[in-house]
């Protein structure tokens, strides 16, 4: 459905109700016949809990720190 800006201002509550009830999935607001705004229903994004997402899925090699002294030396420091 496409409406002009004057119609959108005059009937905003009705347009919102059309989206809210699912009678319209998209309403386009046009200025001088050119589409400028697309109204759709607001959808919450699921909250991602990134911390701990890979817990228990990765294994650390036992010799991970084996070369720490060499690496520190390369960067001019000591551990």
PDB file of N, CA and C in Angstrom:
ATOM      1  N   UNK A   1       0.850  -1.169   0.000  1.00  0.00           N
ATOM      2  CA  UNK A   1       0.000   0.000   0.000  1.00  0.00           C
ATOM      3  C   UNK A   1       0.900   1.238   0.000  1.00  0.00           C
ATOM      4  N   UNK A   2       0.552   2.234  -0.776  1.00  0.00           N
ATOM      5  CA  UNK A   2       1.314   3.478  -0.824  1.00  0.00           C
ATOM      6  C   UNK A   2       0.371   4.640  -0.533  1.00  0.00           C
ATOM      7  N   UNK A   3       0.844   5.560   0.328  1.00  0.00           N
ATOM      8  CA  UNK A   3       0.068   6.755   0.651  1.00  0.00           C
ATOM      9  C   UNK A   3       0.974   7.970   0.515  1.00  0.00           C
ATOM     10  N   UNK A   4       0.370   9.136   0.319  1.00  0.00           N
ATOM     11  CA  UNK A   4       1.184  10.355   0.264  1.00  0.00           C
ATOM     12  C   UNK A   4       1.383  10.896   1.682  1.00  0.00           C
ATOM     13  N   UNK A   5       2.257  11.871   1.838  1.00  0.00           N
ATOM     14  CA  UNK A   5       2.598  12.364   3.176  1.00  0.00           C
ATOM     15  C   UNK A   5       1.404  12.979   3.891  1.00  0.00           C
ATOM     16  N   UNK A   6       0.570  13.725   3.188  1.00  0.00           N
ATOM     17  CA  UNK A   6      -0.608  14.330   3.821  1.00  0.00           C
ATOM     18  C   UNK A   6      -1.540  13.248   4.349  1.00  0.00           C
ATOM     19  N   UNK A   7      -1.780  12.227   3.534  1.00  0.00           N
ATOM     20  CA  UNK A   7      -2.642  11.117   3.956  1.00  0.00           C
ATOM     21  C   UNK A   7      -2.024  10.375   5.139  1.00  0.00           C
ATOM     22  N   UNK A   8      -0.715  10.223   5.125  1.00  0.00           N
ATOM     23  CA  UNK A   8      -0.029   9.534   6.227  1.00  0.00           C
ATOM     24  C   UNK A   8      -0.165  10.326   7.524  1.00  0.00           C
ATOM     25  N   UNK A   9      -0.009  11.657   7.447  1.00  0.00           N
ATOM     26  CA  UNK A   9      -0.158  12.495   8.647  1.00  0.00           C
ATOM     27  C   UNK A   9      -1.583  12.445   9.174  1.00  0.00           C
ATOM     28  N   UNK A  10      -2.530  12.506   8.276  1.00  0.00           N
ATOM     29  CA  UNK A  10      -3.940  12.533   8.659  1.00  0.00           C
ATOM     30  C   UNK A  10      -4.393  11.191   9.245  1.00  0.00           C
ATOM     31  N   UNK A  11      -3.883  10.093   8.704  1.00  0.00           N
ATOM     32  CA  UNK A  11      -4.367   8.759   9.080  1.00  0.00           C
ATOM     33  C   UNK A  11      -3.299   7.885   9.747  1.00  0.00           C
ATOM     34  N   UNK A  12      -2.353   8.501  10.423  1.00  0.00           N
ATOM     35  CA  UNK A  12      -1.250   7.727  10.996  1.00  0.00           C
ATOM     36  C   UNK A  12      -1.738   6.604  11.910  1.00  0.00           C
ATOM     37  N   UNK A  13      -2.678   6.899  12.789  1.00  0.00           N
ATOM     38  CA  UNK A  13      -3.185   5.869  13.711  1.00  0.00           C
ATOM     39  C   UNK A  13      -3.789   4.693  12.954  1.00  0.00           C
ATOM     40  N   UNK A  14      -4.545   4.993  11.912  1.00  0.00           N
ATOM     41  CA  UNK A  14      -5.161   3.923  11.113  1.00  0.00           C
ATOM     42  C   UNK A  14      -4.089   3.106  10.378  1.00  0.00           C
ATOM     43  N   UNK A  15      -3.071   3.781   9.860  1.00  0.00           N
ATOM     44  CA  UNK A  15      -1.998   3.070   9.155  1.00  0.00           C
ATOM     45  C   UNK A  15      -1.242   2.159  10.113  1.00  0.00           C
ATOM     46  N   UNK A  16      -0.975   2.663  11.309  1.00  0.00           N
ATOM     47  CA  UNK A  16      -0.295   1.837  12.320  1.00  0.00           C
ATOM     48  C   UNK A  16      -1.148   0.623  12.663  1.00  0.00           C
ATOM     49  N   UNK A  17      -2.459   0.812  12.805  1.00  0.00           N
ATOM     50  CA  UNK A  17      -3.346  -0.308  13.113  1.00  0.00           C
ATOM     51  C   UNK A  17      -3.330  -1.358  12.001  1.00  0.00           C
ATOM     52  N   UNK A  18      -3.277  -0.909  10.738  1.00  0.00           N
ATOM     53  CA  UNK A  18      -3.223  -1.850   9.610  1.00  0.00           C
ATOM     54  C   UNK A  18      -1.973  -2.720   9.685  1.00  0.00           C
ATOM     55  N   UNK A  19      -0.840  -2.107  10.022  1.00  0.00           N
ATOM     56  CA  UNK A  19       0.408  -2.861  10.170  1.00  0.00           C
ATOM     57  C   UNK A  19       0.313  -3.786  11.380  1.00  0.00           C
ATOM     58  N   UNK A  20      -0.166  -3.223  12.488  1.00  0.00           N
ATOM     59  CA  UNK A  20      -0.243  -3.954  13.759  1.00  0.00           C
ATOM     60  C   UNK A  20      -1.118  -5.194  13.663  1.00  0.00           C
ATOM     61  N   UNK A  21      -2.205  -5.097  12.941  1.00  0.00           N
ATOM     62  CA  UNK A  21      -3.136  -6.225  12.831  1.00  0.00           C
ATOM     63  C   UNK A  21      -2.775  -7.186  11.709  1.00  0.00           C
ATOM     64  N   UNK A  22      -1.785  -6.812  10.903  1.00  0.00           N
ATOM     65  CA  UNK A  22      -1.363  -7.692   9.822  1.00  0.00           C
ATOM     66  C   UNK A  22      -2.178  -7.540   8.547  1.00  0.00           C
ATOM     67  N   UNK A  23      -3.090  -6.565   8.515  1.00  0.00           N
ATOM     68  CA  UNK A  23      -3.863  -6.340   7.301  1.00  0.00           C
ATOM     69  C   UNK A  23      -2.967  -5.824   6.168  1.00  0.00           C
ATOM     70  N   UNK A  24      -1.908  -5.120   6.552  1.00  0.00           N
ATOM     71  CA  UNK A  24      -0.878  -4.667   5.602  1.00  0.00           C
ATOM     72  C   UNK A  24       0.475  -5.036   6.195  1.00  0.00           C
ATOM     73  N   UNK A  25       1.374  -5.555   5.380  1.00  0.00           N
ATOM     74  CA  UNK A  25       2.706  -5.882   5.889  1.00  0.00           C
ATOM     75  C   UNK A  25       3.677  -4.730   5.676  1.00  0.00           C
ATOM     76  N   UNK A  26       3.423  -3.925   4.644  1.00  0.00           N
ATOM     77  CA  UNK A  26       4.277  -2.782   4.327  1.00  0.00           C
ATOM     78  C   UNK A  26       3.397  -1.628   3.871  1.00  0.00           C
ATOM     79  N   UNK A  27       3.702  -0.445   4.396  1.00  0.00           N
ATOM     80  CA  UNK A  27       3.050   0.773   3.911  1.00  0.00           C
ATOM     81  C   UNK A  27       4.159   1.726   3.493  1.00  0.00           C
ATOM     82  N   UNK A  28       4.090   2.187   2.256  1.00  0.00           N
ATOM     83  CA  UNK A  28       5.089   3.101   1.717  1.00  0.00           C
ATOM     84  C   UNK A  28       4.508   4.507   1.728  1.00  0.00           C
ATOM     85  N   UNK A  29       5.284   5.449   2.262  1.00  0.00           N
ATOM     86  CA  UNK A  29       4.875   6.854   2.258  1.00  0.00           C
ATOM     87  C   UNK A  29       5.666   7.548   1.157  1.00  0.00           C
ATOM     88  N   UNK A  30       4.936   8.237   0.294  1.00  0.00           N
ATOM     89  CA  UNK A  30       5.564   8.884  -0.863  1.00  0.00           C
ATOM     90  C   UNK A  30       5.435  10.393  -0.754  1.00  0.00           C
ATOM     91  N   UNK A  31       6.420  11.078  -1.300  1.00  0.00           N
ATOM     92  CA  UNK A  31       6.381  12.545  -1.411  1.00  0.00           C
ATOM     93  C   UNK A  31       6.466  12.871  -2.895  1.00  0.00           C
ATOM     94  N   UNK A  32       5.498  13.586  -3.387  1.00  0.00           N
ATOM     95  CA  UNK A  32       5.403  13.923  -4.815  1.00  0.00           C
ATOM     96  C   UNK A  32       5.436  12.663  -5.684  1.00  0.00           C
ATOM     97  N   UNK A  33       4.785  11.589  -5.183  1.00  0.00           N
ATOM     98  CA  UNK A  33       4.701  10.345  -5.937  1.00  0.00           C
ATOM     99  C   UNK A  33       5.938   9.460  -5.858  1.00  0.00           C
ATOM    100  N   UNK A  34       6.986   9.929  -5.167  1.00  0.00           N
ATOM    101  CA  UNK A  34       8.221   9.157  -5.061  1.00  0.00           C
ATOM    102  C   UNK A  34       8.312   8.526  -3.653  1.00  0.00           C
ATOM    103  N   UNK A  35       8.441   7.193  -3.562  1.00  0.00           N
ATOM    104  CA  UNK A  35       8.531   6.531  -2.253  1.00  0.00           C
ATOM    105  C   UNK A  35       9.741   7.013  -1.466  1.00  0.00           C
ATOM    106  N   UNK A  36       9.505   7.375  -0.185  1.00  0.00           N
ATOM    107  CA  UNK A  36      10.604   7.844   0.657  1.00  0.00           C
ATOM    108  C   UNK A  36      10.698   7.105   1.993  1.00  0.00           C
ATOM    109  N   UNK A  37       9.619   6.493   2.458  1.00  0.00           N
ATOM    110  CA  UNK A  37       9.607   5.809   3.751  1.00  0.00           C
ATOM    111  C   UNK A  37       8.848   4.500   3.618  1.00  0.00           C
ATOM    112  N   UNK A  38       9.383   3.466   4.267  1.00  0.00           N
ATOM    113  CA  UNK A  38       8.695   2.170   4.285  1.00  0.00           C
ATOM    114  C   UNK A  38       8.358   1.834   5.731  1.00  0.00           C
ATOM    115  N   UNK A  39       7.080   1.654   6.032  1.00  0.00           N
ATOM    116  CA  UNK A  39       6.634   1.279   7.372  1.00  0.00           C
ATOM    117  C   UNK A  39       6.412  -0.230   7.397  1.00  0.00           C
ATOM    118  N   UNK A  40       7.002  -0.874   8.400  1.00  0.00           N
ATOM    119  CA  UNK A  40       6.777  -2.301   8.619  1.00  0.00           C
ATOM    120  C   UNK A  40       6.617  -2.525  10.114  1.00  0.00           C
ATOM    121  N   UNK A  41       6.170  -3.695  10.489  1.00  0.00           N
ATOM    122  CA  UNK A  41       6.024  -4.020  11.905  1.00  0.00           C
ATOM    123  C   UNK A  41       7.399  -4.112  12.552  1.00  0.00           C
ATOM    124  N   UNK A  42       7.493  -3.609  13.770  1.00  0.00           N
ATOM    125  CA  UNK A  42       8.741  -3.664  14.521  1.00  0.00           C
ATOM    126  C   UNK A  42       8.963  -5.084  15.010  1.00  0.00           C
ATOM    127  N   UNK A  43      10.186  -5.583  14.840  1.00  0.00           N
ATOM    128  CA  UNK A  43      10.512  -6.929  15.299  1.00  0.00           C
ATOM    129  C   UNK A  43      11.726  -6.867  16.211  1.00  0.00           C
ATOM    130  N   UNK A  44      11.565  -7.362  17.413  1.00  0.00           N
ATOM    131  CA  UNK A  44      12.673  -7.406  18.366  1.00  0.00           C
ATOM    132  C   UNK A  44      13.749  -8.343  17.843  1.00  0.00           C
ATOM    133  N   UNK A  45      14.997  -7.923  17.979  1.00  0.00           N
ATOM    134  CA  UNK A  45      16.105  -8.802  17.628  1.00  0.00           C
ATOM    135  C   UNK A  45      16.414  -9.659  18.839  1.00  0.00           C
ATOM    136  N   UNK A  46      16.648 -10.954  18.635  1.00  0.00           N
ATOM    137  CA  UNK A  46      16.989 -11.797  19.781  1.00  0.00           C
ATOM    138  C   UNK A  46      18.315 -11.359  20.378  1.00  0.00           C
ATOM    139  N   UNK A  47      18.366 -11.367  21.704  1.00  0.00           N
ATOM    140  CA  UNK A  47      19.581 -10.967  22.404  1.00  0.00           C
ATOM    141  C   UNK A  47      20.585 -12.104  22.324  1.00  0.00           C
ATOM    142  N   UNK A  48      21.763 -11.786  21.837  1.00  0.00           N
ATOM    143  CA  UNK A  48      22.815 -12.793  21.708  1.00  0.00           C
ATOM    144  C   UNK A  48      23.690 -12.764  22.950  1.00  0.00           C
ATOM    145  N   UNK A  49      23.884 -13.896  23.541  1.00  0.00           N
ATOM    146  CA  UNK A  49      24.769 -14.005  24.694  1.00  0.00           C
ATOM    147  C   UNK A  49      26.091 -14.566  24.195  1.00  0.00           C
ATOM    148  N   UNK A  50      26.967 -13.664  23.737  1.00  0.00           N
ATOM    149  CA  UNK A  50      28.221 -14.066  23.116  1.00  0.00           C
ATOM    150  C   UNK A  50      29.204 -14.664  24.106  1.00  0.00           C
ATOM    151  N   UNK A  51      29.225 -14.181  25.331  1.00  0.00           N
ATOM    152  CA  UNK A  51      30.193 -14.676  26.303  1.00  0.00           C
ATOM    153  C   UNK A  51      29.838 -16.117  26.658  1.00  0.00           C
ATOM    154  N   UNK A  52      30.795 -16.989  26.510  1.00  0.00           N
ATOM    155  CA  UNK A  52      30.598 -18.388  26.856  1.00  0.00           C
ATOM    156  C   UNK A  52      29.934 -19.212  25.775  1.00  0.00           C
ATOM    157  N   UNK A  53      29.755 -18.649  24.591  1.00  0.00           N
ATOM    158  CA  UNK A  53      29.053 -19.354  23.530  1.00  0.00           C
ATOM    159  C   UNK A  53      29.801 -20.616  23.089  1.00  0.00           C
ATOM    160  N   UNK A  54      31.136 -20.625  23.223  1.00  0.00           N
ATOM    161  CA  UNK A  54      31.932 -21.781  22.799  1.00  0.00           C
ATOM    162  C   UNK A  54      32.430 -22.605  23.983  1.00  0.00           C
ATOM    163  N   UNK A  55      31.900 -22.342  25.165  1.00  0.00           N
ATOM    164  CA  UNK A  55      32.352 -23.045  26.356  1.00  0.00           C
ATOM    165  C   UNK A  55      32.216 -24.563  26.176  1.00  0.00           C
ATOM    166  N   UNK A  56      33.333 -25.246  26.398  1.00  0.00           N
ATOM    167  CA  UNK A  56      33.343 -26.698  26.290  1.00  0.00           C
ATOM    168  C   UNK A  56      33.518 -27.225  24.877  1.00  0.00           C
ATOM    169  N   UNK A  57      33.595 -26.350  23.894  1.00  0.00           N
ATOM    170  CA  UNK A  57      33.717 -26.779  22.508  1.00  0.00           C
ATOM    171  C   UNK A  57      35.152 -26.701  21.990  1.00  0.00           C
ATOM    172  N   UNK A  58      36.000 -25.981  22.688  1.00  0.00           N
ATOM    173  CA  UNK A  58      37.382 -25.818  22.247  1.00  0.00           C
ATOM    174  C   UNK A  58      38.325 -26.460  23.251  1.00  0.00           C
ATOM    175  N   UNK A  59      39.397 -27.017  22.740  1.00  0.00           N
ATOM    176  CA  UNK A  59      40.411 -27.615  23.614  1.00  0.00           C
ATOM    177  C   UNK A  59      41.713 -26.846  23.451  1.00  0.00           C
ATOM    178  N   UNK A  60      42.327 -26.490  24.554  1.00  0.00           N
ATOM    179  CA  UNK A  60      43.596 -25.772  24.549  1.00  0.00           C
ATOM    180  C   UNK A  60      44.721 -26.787  24.661  1.00  0.00           C
ATOM    181  N   UNK A  61      45.702 -26.707  23.779  1.00  0.00           N
ATOM    182  CA  UNK A  61      46.831 -27.638  23.882  1.00  0.00           C
ATOM    183  C   UNK A  61      47.578 -27.420  25.195  1.00  0.00           C
ATOM    184  N   UNK A  62      48.061 -28.498  25.776  1.00  0.00           N
ATOM    185  CA  UNK A  62      48.771 -28.407  27.054  1.00  0.00           C
ATOM    186  C   UNK A  62      50.056 -27.602  26.925  1.00  0.00           C
ATOM    187  N   UNK A  63      50.690 -27.605  25.752  1.00  0.00           N
ATOM    188  CA  UNK A  63      51.951 -26.887  25.572  1.00  0.00           C
ATOM    189  C   UNK A  63      51.737 -25.497  24.943  1.00  0.00           C
ATOM    190  N   UNK A  64      50.588 -24.900  25.159  1.00  0.00           N
ATOM    191  CA  UNK A  64      50.261 -23.607  24.582  1.00  0.00           C
ATOM    192  C   UNK A  64      51.285 -22.525  24.958  1.00  0.00           C
ATOM    193  N   UNK A  65      51.764 -22.560  26.175  1.00  0.00           N
ATOM    194  CA  UNK A  65      52.697 -21.539  26.670  1.00  0.00           C
ATOM    195  C   UNK A  65      54.156 -21.918  26.471  1.00  0.00           C
ATOM    196  N   UNK A  66      54.407 -22.948  25.714  1.00  0.00           N
ATOM    197  CA  UNK A  66      55.761 -23.481  25.556  1.00  0.00           C
ATOM    198  C   UNK A  66      56.749 -22.438  25.014  1.00  0.00           C
ATOM    199  N   UNK A  67      56.332 -21.573  24.132  1.00  0.00           N
ATOM    200  CA  UNK A  67      57.239 -20.633  23.480  1.00  0.00           C
ATOM    201  C   UNK A  67      57.108 -19.199  24.014  1.00  0.00           C
ATOM    202  N   UNK A  68      56.493 -19.019  25.158  1.00  0.00           N
ATOM    203  CA  UNK A  68      56.285 -17.673  25.699  1.00  0.00           C
ATOM    204  C   UNK A  68      57.589 -16.905  25.891  1.00  0.00           C
ATOM    205  N   UNK A  69      58.624 -17.563  26.419  1.00  0.00           N
ATOM    206  CA  UNK A  69      59.894 -16.887  26.659  1.00  0.00           C
ATOM    207  C   UNK A  69      60.523 -16.423  25.349  1.00  0.00           C
ATOM    208  N   UNK A  70      60.476 -17.270  24.328  1.00  0.00           N
ATOM    209  CA  UNK A  70      61.044 -16.908  23.025  1.00  0.00           C
ATOM    210  C   UNK A  70      60.298 -15.713  22.410  1.00  0.00           C
ATOM    211  N   UNK A  71      58.995 -15.736  22.525  1.00  0.00           N
ATOM    212  CA  UNK A  71      58.180 -14.650  21.970  1.00  0.00           C
ATOM    213  C   UNK A  71      58.445 -13.345  22.709  1.00  0.00           C
ATOM    214  N   UNK A  72      58.525 -13.422  24.028  1.00  0.00           N
ATOM    215  CA  UNK A  72      58.845 -12.221  24.825  1.00  0.00           C
ATOM    216  C   UNK A  72      60.187 -11.657  24.448  1.00  0.00           C
ATOM    217  N   UNK A  73      61.168 -12.520  24.220  1.00  0.00           N
ATOM    218  CA  UNK A  73      62.512 -12.095  23.834  1.00  0.00           C
ATOM    219  C   UNK A  73      62.473 -11.372  22.477  1.00  0.00           C
ATOM    220  N   UNK A  74      61.684 -11.874  21.531  1.00  0.00           N
ATOM    221  CA  UNK A  74      61.566 -11.264  20.223  1.00  0.00           C
ATOM    222  C   UNK A  74      61.013  -9.829  20.319  1.00  0.00           C
ATOM    223  N   UNK A  75      60.173  -9.585  21.314  1.00  0.00           N
ATOM    224  CA  UNK A  75      59.585  -8.272  21.483  1.00  0.00           C
ATOM    225  C   UNK A  75      60.337  -7.413  22.502  1.00  0.00           C
ATOM    226  N   UNK A  76      61.518  -7.890  22.922  1.00  0.00           N
ATOM    227  CA  UNK A  76      62.371  -7.105  23.797  1.00  0.00           C
ATOM    228  C   UNK A  76      61.970  -7.126  25.257  1.00  0.00           C
ATOM    229  N   UNK A  77      61.199  -8.084  25.657  1.00  0.00           N
ATOM    230  CA  UNK A  77      60.787  -8.149  27.059  1.00  0.00           C
ATOM    231  C   UNK A  77      61.056  -9.511  27.654  1.00  0.00           C
ATOM    232  N   UNK A  78      60.766  -9.650  28.914  1.00  0.00           N
ATOM    233  CA  UNK A  78      60.912 -10.947  29.609  1.00  0.00           C
ATOM    234  C   UNK A  78      59.641 -11.224  30.373  1.00  0.00           C
ATOM    235  N   UNK A  79      59.419 -12.455  30.640  1.00  0.00           N
ATOM    236  CA  UNK A  79      58.244 -12.835  31.428  1.00  0.00           C
ATOM    237  C   UNK A  79      58.586 -13.055  32.860  1.00  0.00           C
TER     238      UNK A  79
END
